[in-house]
Amino acid sequence: MIIEIGIVAGEIWHFLDQHGEVSLSDLTKSLDRTPENILMSLGWLAREGHVILAQAGDGYRISLRKDA
């Protein structure tokens, strides 16, 4: 499972690098991964300081850290 989380984290990083800030719902719709796997991978990226998660209304916005 940890390998899969790492692979999805890389996919998320590349997606954000290409598309900029996105909503969590748009990210989940765009990647062919389970929502649970996306959330675990986002947690990994957030813990490592690679992404910024900001609450926006009922959802979240995700972007890459500029200094990461």
PDB file of N, CA and C in Angstrom:
ATOM      1  N   MET A   1       0.821  -1.197   0.000  1.00  0.00           N
ATOM      2  CA  MET A   1       0.000   0.000   0.000  1.00  0.00           C
ATOM      3  C   MET A   1       0.863   1.258   0.000  1.00  0.00           C
ATOM      4  N   ILE A   2       1.964   1.268   0.726  1.00  0.00           N
ATOM      5  CA  ILE A   2       2.794   2.464   0.809  1.00  0.00           C
ATOM      6  C   ILE A   2       3.380   2.824  -0.557  1.00  0.00           C
ATOM      7  N   ILE A   3       3.659   1.815  -1.367  1.00  0.00           N
ATOM      8  CA  ILE A   3       4.181   2.085  -2.713  1.00  0.00           C
ATOM      9  C   ILE A   3       3.106   2.759  -3.558  1.00  0.00           C
ATOM     10  N   GLU A   4       1.880   2.270  -3.478  1.00  0.00           N
ATOM     11  CA  GLU A   4       0.771   2.863  -4.229  1.00  0.00           C
ATOM     12  C   GLU A   4       0.531   4.313  -3.797  1.00  0.00           C
ATOM     13  N   ILE A   5       0.608   4.586  -2.506  1.00  0.00           N
ATOM     14  CA  ILE A   5       0.427   5.952  -2.006  1.00  0.00           C
ATOM     15  C   ILE A   5       1.515   6.860  -2.588  1.00  0.00           C
ATOM     16  N   GLY A   6       2.731   6.373  -2.633  1.00  0.00           N
ATOM     17  CA  GLY A   6       3.827   7.156  -3.202  1.00  0.00           C
ATOM     18  C   GLY A   6       3.643   7.414  -4.683  1.00  0.00           C
ATOM     19  N   ILE A   7       3.161   6.427  -5.411  1.00  0.00           N
ATOM     20  CA  ILE A   7       2.923   6.601  -6.849  1.00  0.00           C
ATOM     21  C   ILE A   7       1.833   7.640  -7.083  1.00  0.00           C
ATOM     22  N   VAL A   8       0.752   7.547  -6.336  1.00  0.00           N
ATOM     23  CA  VAL A   8      -0.342   8.506  -6.483  1.00  0.00           C
ATOM     24  C   VAL A   8       0.111   9.902  -6.053  1.00  0.00           C
ATOM     25  N   ALA A   9       0.928   9.992  -5.026  1.00  0.00           N
ATOM     26  CA  ALA A   9       1.462  11.298  -4.608  1.00  0.00           C
ATOM     27  C   ALA A   9       2.233  11.939  -5.763  1.00  0.00           C
ATOM     28  N   GLY A  10       3.009  11.147  -6.481  1.00  0.00           N
ATOM     29  CA  GLY A  10       3.723  11.660  -7.645  1.00  0.00           C
ATOM     30  C   GLY A  10       2.774  12.117  -8.737  1.00  0.00           C
ATOM     31  N   GLU A  11       1.711  11.367  -8.973  1.00  0.00           N
ATOM     32  CA  GLU A  11       0.709  11.760  -9.970  1.00  0.00           C
ATOM     33  C   GLU A  11       0.036  13.074  -9.577  1.00  0.00           C
ATOM     34  N   ILE A  12      -0.269  13.226  -8.291  1.00  0.00           N
ATOM     35  CA  ILE A  12      -0.883  14.463  -7.814  1.00  0.00           C
ATOM     36  C   ILE A  12       0.080  15.631  -8.010  1.00  0.00           C
ATOM     37  N   TRP A  13       1.335  15.442  -7.640  1.00  0.00           N
ATOM     38  CA  TRP A  13       2.332  16.513  -7.786  1.00  0.00           C
ATOM     39  C   TRP A  13       2.422  16.956  -9.247  1.00  0.00           C
ATOM     40  N   HIS A  14       2.503  16.007 -10.173  1.00  0.00           N
ATOM     41  CA  HIS A  14       2.590  16.346 -11.600  1.00  0.00           C
ATOM     42  C   HIS A  14       1.315  17.028 -12.085  1.00  0.00           C
ATOM     43  N   PHE A  15       0.161  16.576 -11.618  1.00  0.00           N
ATOM     44  CA  PHE A  15      -1.104  17.197 -12.003  1.00  0.00           C
ATOM     45  C   PHE A  15      -1.144  18.653 -11.547  1.00  0.00           C
ATOM     46  N   LEU A  16      -0.768  18.898 -10.295  1.00  0.00           N
ATOM     47  CA  LEU A  16      -0.770  20.264  -9.772  1.00  0.00           C
ATOM     48  C   LEU A  16       0.269  21.132 -10.477  1.00  0.00           C
ATOM     49  N   ASP A  17       1.397  20.564 -10.816  1.00  0.00           N
ATOM     50  CA  ASP A  17       2.433  21.297 -11.539  1.00  0.00           C
ATOM     51  C   ASP A  17       1.924  21.749 -12.905  1.00  0.00           C
ATOM     52  N   GLN A  18       1.114  20.937 -13.551  1.00  0.00           N
ATOM     53  CA  GLN A  18       0.586  21.260 -14.873  1.00  0.00           C
ATOM     54  C   GLN A  18      -0.650  22.154 -14.820  1.00  0.00           C
ATOM     55  N   HIS A  19      -1.492  21.990 -13.790  1.00  0.00           N
ATOM     56  CA  HIS A  19      -2.785  22.666 -13.755  1.00  0.00           C
ATOM     57  C   HIS A  19      -2.895  23.783 -12.717  1.00  0.00           C
ATOM     58  N   GLY A  20      -1.947  23.888 -11.836  1.00  0.00           N
ATOM     59  CA  GLY A  20      -2.037  24.896 -10.783  1.00  0.00           C
ATOM     60  C   GLY A  20      -3.032  24.488  -9.710  1.00  0.00           C
ATOM     61  N   GLU A  21      -3.529  25.452  -8.979  1.00  0.00           N
ATOM     62  CA  GLU A  21      -4.445  25.181  -7.863  1.00  0.00           C
ATOM     63  C   GLU A  21      -5.751  24.579  -8.373  1.00  0.00           C
ATOM     64  N   VAL A  22      -6.213  23.545  -7.687  1.00  0.00           N
ATOM     65  CA  VAL A  22      -7.463  22.882  -8.050  1.00  0.00           C
ATOM     66  C   VAL A  22      -8.244  22.556  -6.780  1.00  0.00           C
ATOM     67  N   SER A  23      -9.521  22.301  -6.955  1.00  0.00           N
ATOM     68  CA  SER A  23     -10.333  21.848  -5.823  1.00  0.00           C
ATOM     69  C   SER A  23     -10.094  20.353  -5.623  1.00  0.00           C
ATOM     70  N   LEU A  24     -10.354  19.901  -4.426  1.00  0.00           N
ATOM     71  CA  LEU A  24     -10.217  18.479  -4.128  1.00  0.00           C
ATOM     72  C   LEU A  24     -11.156  17.669  -5.014  1.00  0.00           C
ATOM     73  N   SER A  25     -12.362  18.159  -5.223  1.00  0.00           N
ATOM     74  CA  SER A  25     -13.311  17.412  -6.060  1.00  0.00           C
ATOM     75  C   SER A  25     -12.824  17.325  -7.503  1.00  0.00           C
ATOM     76  N   ASP A  26     -12.246  18.405  -8.047  1.00  0.00           N
ATOM     77  CA  ASP A  26     -11.709  18.362  -9.410  1.00  0.00           C
ATOM     78  C   ASP A  26     -10.509  17.422  -9.503  1.00  0.00           C
ATOM     79  N   LEU A  27      -9.663  17.427  -8.492  1.00  0.00           N
ATOM     80  CA  LEU A  27      -8.515  16.530  -8.477  1.00  0.00           C
ATOM     81  C   LEU A  27      -8.976  15.076  -8.474  1.00  0.00           C
ATOM     82  N   THR A  28      -9.963  14.777  -7.645  1.00  0.00           N
ATOM     83  CA  THR A  28     -10.486  13.417  -7.543  1.00  0.00           C
ATOM     84  C   THR A  28     -11.127  12.976  -8.857  1.00  0.00           C
ATOM     85  N   LYS A  29     -11.826  13.885  -9.525  1.00  0.00           N
ATOM     86  CA  LYS A  29     -12.444  13.552 -10.810  1.00  0.00           C
ATOM     87  C   LYS A  29     -11.404  13.364 -11.907  1.00  0.00           C
ATOM     88  N   SER A  30     -10.291  14.070 -11.824  1.00  0.00           N
ATOM     89  CA  SER A  30      -9.285  14.062 -12.893  1.00  0.00           C
ATOM     90  C   SER A  30      -8.349  12.866 -12.837  1.00  0.00           C
ATOM     91  N   LEU A  31      -8.116  12.333 -11.654  1.00  0.00           N
ATOM     92  CA  LEU A  31      -7.199  11.202 -11.514  1.00  0.00           C
ATOM     93  C   LEU A  31      -7.996   9.905 -11.429  1.00  0.00           C
ATOM     94  N   ASP A  32      -7.527   8.885 -12.093  1.00  0.00           N
ATOM     95  CA  ASP A  32      -8.208   7.592 -12.094  1.00  0.00           C
ATOM     96  C   ASP A  32      -7.741   6.776 -10.884  1.00  0.00           C
ATOM     97  N   ARG A  33      -8.033   7.307  -9.702  1.00  0.00           N
ATOM     98  CA  ARG A  33      -7.652   6.676  -8.430  1.00  0.00           C
ATOM     99  C   ARG A  33      -8.823   6.765  -7.465  1.00  0.00           C
ATOM    100  N   THR A  34      -8.825   5.913  -6.451  1.00  0.00           N
ATOM    101  CA  THR A  34      -9.901   5.971  -5.462  1.00  0.00           C
ATOM    102  C   THR A  34      -9.750   7.242  -4.626  1.00  0.00           C
ATOM    103  N   PRO A  35     -10.872   7.787  -4.162  1.00  0.00           N
ATOM    104  CA  PRO A  35     -10.788   8.965  -3.301  1.00  0.00           C
ATOM    105  C   PRO A  35      -9.941   8.720  -2.049  1.00  0.00           C
ATOM    106  N   GLU A  36     -10.018   7.520  -1.494  1.00  0.00           N
ATOM    107  CA  GLU A  36      -9.231   7.200  -0.306  1.00  0.00           C
ATOM    108  C   GLU A  36      -7.733   7.260  -0.601  1.00  0.00           C
ATOM    109  N   ASN A  37      -7.340   6.732  -1.751  1.00  0.00           N
ATOM    110  CA  ASN A  37      -5.936   6.746  -2.123  1.00  0.00           C
ATOM    111  C   ASN A  37      -5.456   8.176  -2.367  1.00  0.00           C
ATOM    112  N   ILE A  38      -6.295   8.985  -2.980  1.00  0.00           N
ATOM    113  CA  ILE A  38      -5.941  10.392  -3.206  1.00  0.00           C
ATOM    114  C   ILE A  38      -5.772  11.110  -1.869  1.00  0.00           C
ATOM    115  N   LEU A  39      -6.670  10.870  -0.932  1.00  0.00           N
ATOM    116  CA  LEU A  39      -6.575  11.529   0.373  1.00  0.00           C
ATOM    117  C   LEU A  39      -5.329  11.094   1.141  1.00  0.00           C
ATOM    118  N   MET A  40      -5.003   9.794   1.103  1.00  0.00           N
ATOM    119  CA  MET A  40      -3.789   9.324   1.774  1.00  0.00           C
ATOM    120  C   MET A  40      -2.549   9.955   1.136  1.00  0.00           C
ATOM    121  N   SER A  41      -2.537  10.044  -0.169  1.00  0.00           N
ATOM    122  CA  SER A  41      -1.396  10.623  -0.883  1.00  0.00           C
ATOM    123  C   SER A  41      -1.282  12.121  -0.625  1.00  0.00           C
ATOM    124  N   LEU A  42      -2.404  12.815  -0.542  1.00  0.00           N
ATOM    125  CA  LEU A  42      -2.379  14.238  -0.202  1.00  0.00           C
ATOM    126  C   LEU A  42      -1.848  14.446   1.210  1.00  0.00           C
ATOM    127  N   GLY A  43      -2.229  13.559   2.112  1.00  0.00           N
ATOM    128  CA  GLY A  43      -1.707  13.642   3.473  1.00  0.00           C
ATOM    129  C   GLY A  43      -0.193  13.508   3.491  1.00  0.00           C
ATOM    130  N   TRP A  44       0.313  12.593   2.707  1.00  0.00           N
ATOM    131  CA  TRP A  44       1.759  12.404   2.592  1.00  0.00           C
ATOM    132  C   TRP A  44       2.406  13.687   2.062  1.00  0.00           C
ATOM    133  N   LEU A  45       1.864  14.214   0.961  1.00  0.00           N
ATOM    134  CA  LEU A  45       2.432  15.438   0.370  1.00  0.00           C
ATOM    135  C   LEU A  45       2.348  16.622   1.332  1.00  0.00           C
ATOM    136  N   ALA A  46       1.241  16.721   2.066  1.00  0.00           N
ATOM    137  CA  ALA A  46       1.086  17.819   3.024  1.00  0.00           C
ATOM    138  C   ALA A  46       2.078  17.676   4.169  1.00  0.00           C
ATOM    139  N   ARG A  47       2.238  16.472   4.669  1.00  0.00           N
ATOM    140  CA  ARG A  47       3.170  16.228   5.782  1.00  0.00           C
ATOM    141  C   ARG A  47       4.596  16.541   5.374  1.00  0.00           C
ATOM    142  N   GLU A  48       4.939  16.252   4.125  1.00  0.00           N
ATOM    143  CA  GLU A  48       6.278  16.536   3.606  1.00  0.00           C
ATOM    144  C   GLU A  48       6.449  18.002   3.200  1.00  0.00           C
ATOM    145  N   GLY A  49       5.355  18.779   3.259  1.00  0.00           N
ATOM    146  CA  GLY A  49       5.423  20.207   2.950  1.00  0.00           C
ATOM    147  C   GLY A  49       5.409  20.530   1.469  1.00  0.00           C
ATOM    148  N   HIS A  50       4.913  19.620   0.636  1.00  0.00           N
ATOM    149  CA  HIS A  50       4.910  19.840  -0.811  1.00  0.00           C
ATOM    150  C   HIS A  50       3.640  20.501  -1.330  1.00  0.00           C
ATOM    151  N   VAL A  51       2.557  20.424  -0.574  1.00  0.00           N
ATOM    152  CA  VAL A  51       1.303  21.029  -1.017  1.00  0.00           C
ATOM    153  C   VAL A  51       0.722  21.913   0.074  1.00  0.00           C
ATOM    154  N   ILE A  52      -0.137  22.810  -0.370  1.00  0.00           N
ATOM    155  CA  ILE A  52      -0.894  23.658   0.543  1.00  0.00           C
ATOM    156  C   ILE A  52      -2.355  23.260   0.400  1.00  0.00           C
ATOM    157  N   LEU A  53      -2.994  22.972   1.515  1.00  0.00           N
ATOM    158  CA  LEU A  53      -4.412  22.640   1.540  1.00  0.00           C
ATOM    159  C   LEU A  53      -5.136  23.793   2.229  1.00  0.00           C
ATOM    160  N   ALA A  54      -6.110  24.365   1.539  1.00  0.00           N
ATOM    161  CA  ALA A  54      -6.856  25.488   2.100  1.00  0.00           C
ATOM    162  C   ALA A  54      -8.351  25.176   2.030  1.00  0.00           C
ATOM    163  N   GLN A  55      -9.037  25.373   3.154  1.00  0.00           N
ATOM    164  CA  GLN A  55     -10.476  25.147   3.157  1.00  0.00           C
ATOM    165  C   GLN A  55     -11.143  26.255   2.354  1.00  0.00           C
ATOM    166  N   ALA A  56     -12.081  25.849   1.487  1.00  0.00           N
ATOM    167  CA  ALA A  56     -12.820  26.793   0.648  1.00  0.00           C
ATOM    168  C   ALA A  56     -14.288  26.378   0.664  1.00  0.00           C
ATOM    169  N   GLY A  57     -15.069  27.064   1.480  1.00  0.00           N
ATOM    170  CA  GLY A  57     -16.475  26.684   1.613  1.00  0.00           C
ATOM    171  C   GLY A  57     -16.601  25.305   2.221  1.00  0.00           C
ATOM    172  N   ASP A  58     -17.295  24.420   1.514  1.00  0.00           N
ATOM    173  CA  ASP A  58     -17.483  23.046   1.990  1.00  0.00           C
ATOM    174  C   ASP A  58     -16.369  22.110   1.541  1.00  0.00           C
ATOM    175  N   GLY A  59     -15.426  22.605   0.745  1.00  0.00           N
ATOM    176  CA  GLY A  59     -14.383  21.748   0.210  1.00  0.00           C
ATOM    177  C   GLY A  59     -12.991  22.287   0.506  1.00  0.00           C
ATOM    178  N   TYR A  60     -12.050  21.847  -0.295  1.00  0.00           N
ATOM    179  CA  TYR A  60     -10.651  22.249  -0.132  1.00  0.00           C
ATOM    180  C   TYR A  60     -10.051  22.612  -1.478  1.00  0.00           C
ATOM    181  N   ARG A  61      -9.084  23.534  -1.450  1.00  0.00           N
ATOM    182  CA  ARG A  61      -8.277  23.884  -2.616  1.00  0.00           C
ATOM    183  C   ARG A  61      -6.868  23.377  -2.333  1.00  0.00           C
ATOM    184  N   ILE A  62      -6.225  22.866  -3.378  1.00  0.00           N
ATOM    185  CA  ILE A  62      -4.899  22.271  -3.232  1.00  0.00           C
ATOM    186  C   ILE A  62      -3.968  22.915  -4.237  1.00  0.00           C
ATOM    187  N   SER A  63      -2.777  23.267  -3.788  1.00  0.00           N
ATOM    188  CA  SER A  63      -1.768  23.823  -4.684  1.00  0.00           C
ATOM    189  C   SER A  63      -0.390  23.370  -4.225  1.00  0.00           C
ATOM    190  N   LEU A  64       0.565  23.431  -5.137  1.00  0.00           N
ATOM    191  CA  LEU A  64       1.941  23.131  -4.770  1.00  0.00           C
ATOM    192  C   LEU A  64       2.534  24.290  -4.008  1.00  0.00           C
ATOM    193  N   ARG A  65       3.399  23.995  -3.078  1.00  0.00           N
ATOM    194  CA  ARG A  65       4.165  25.063  -2.400  1.00  0.00           C
ATOM    195  C   ARG A  65       5.144  25.618  -3.410  1.00  0.00           C
ATOM    196  N   LYS A  66       5.262  26.905  -3.479  1.00  0.00           N
ATOM    197  CA  LYS A  66       6.181  27.546  -4.440  1.00  0.00           C
ATOM    198  C   LYS A  66       7.636  27.287  -4.098  1.00  0.00           C
ATOM    199  N   ASP A  67       7.934  27.119  -2.828  1.00  0.00           N
ATOM    200  CA  ASP A  67       9.309  26.923  -2.391  1.00  0.00           C
ATOM    201  C   ASP A  67       9.669  25.454  -2.197  1.00  0.00           C
ATOM    202  N   ALA A  68       8.773  24.547  -2.606  1.00  0.00           N
ATOM    203  CA  ALA A  68       9.010  23.105  -2.416  1.00  0.00           C
ATOM    204  C   ALA A  68       9.867  22.546  -3.537  1.00  0.00           C
TER     205      ALA A  68
END
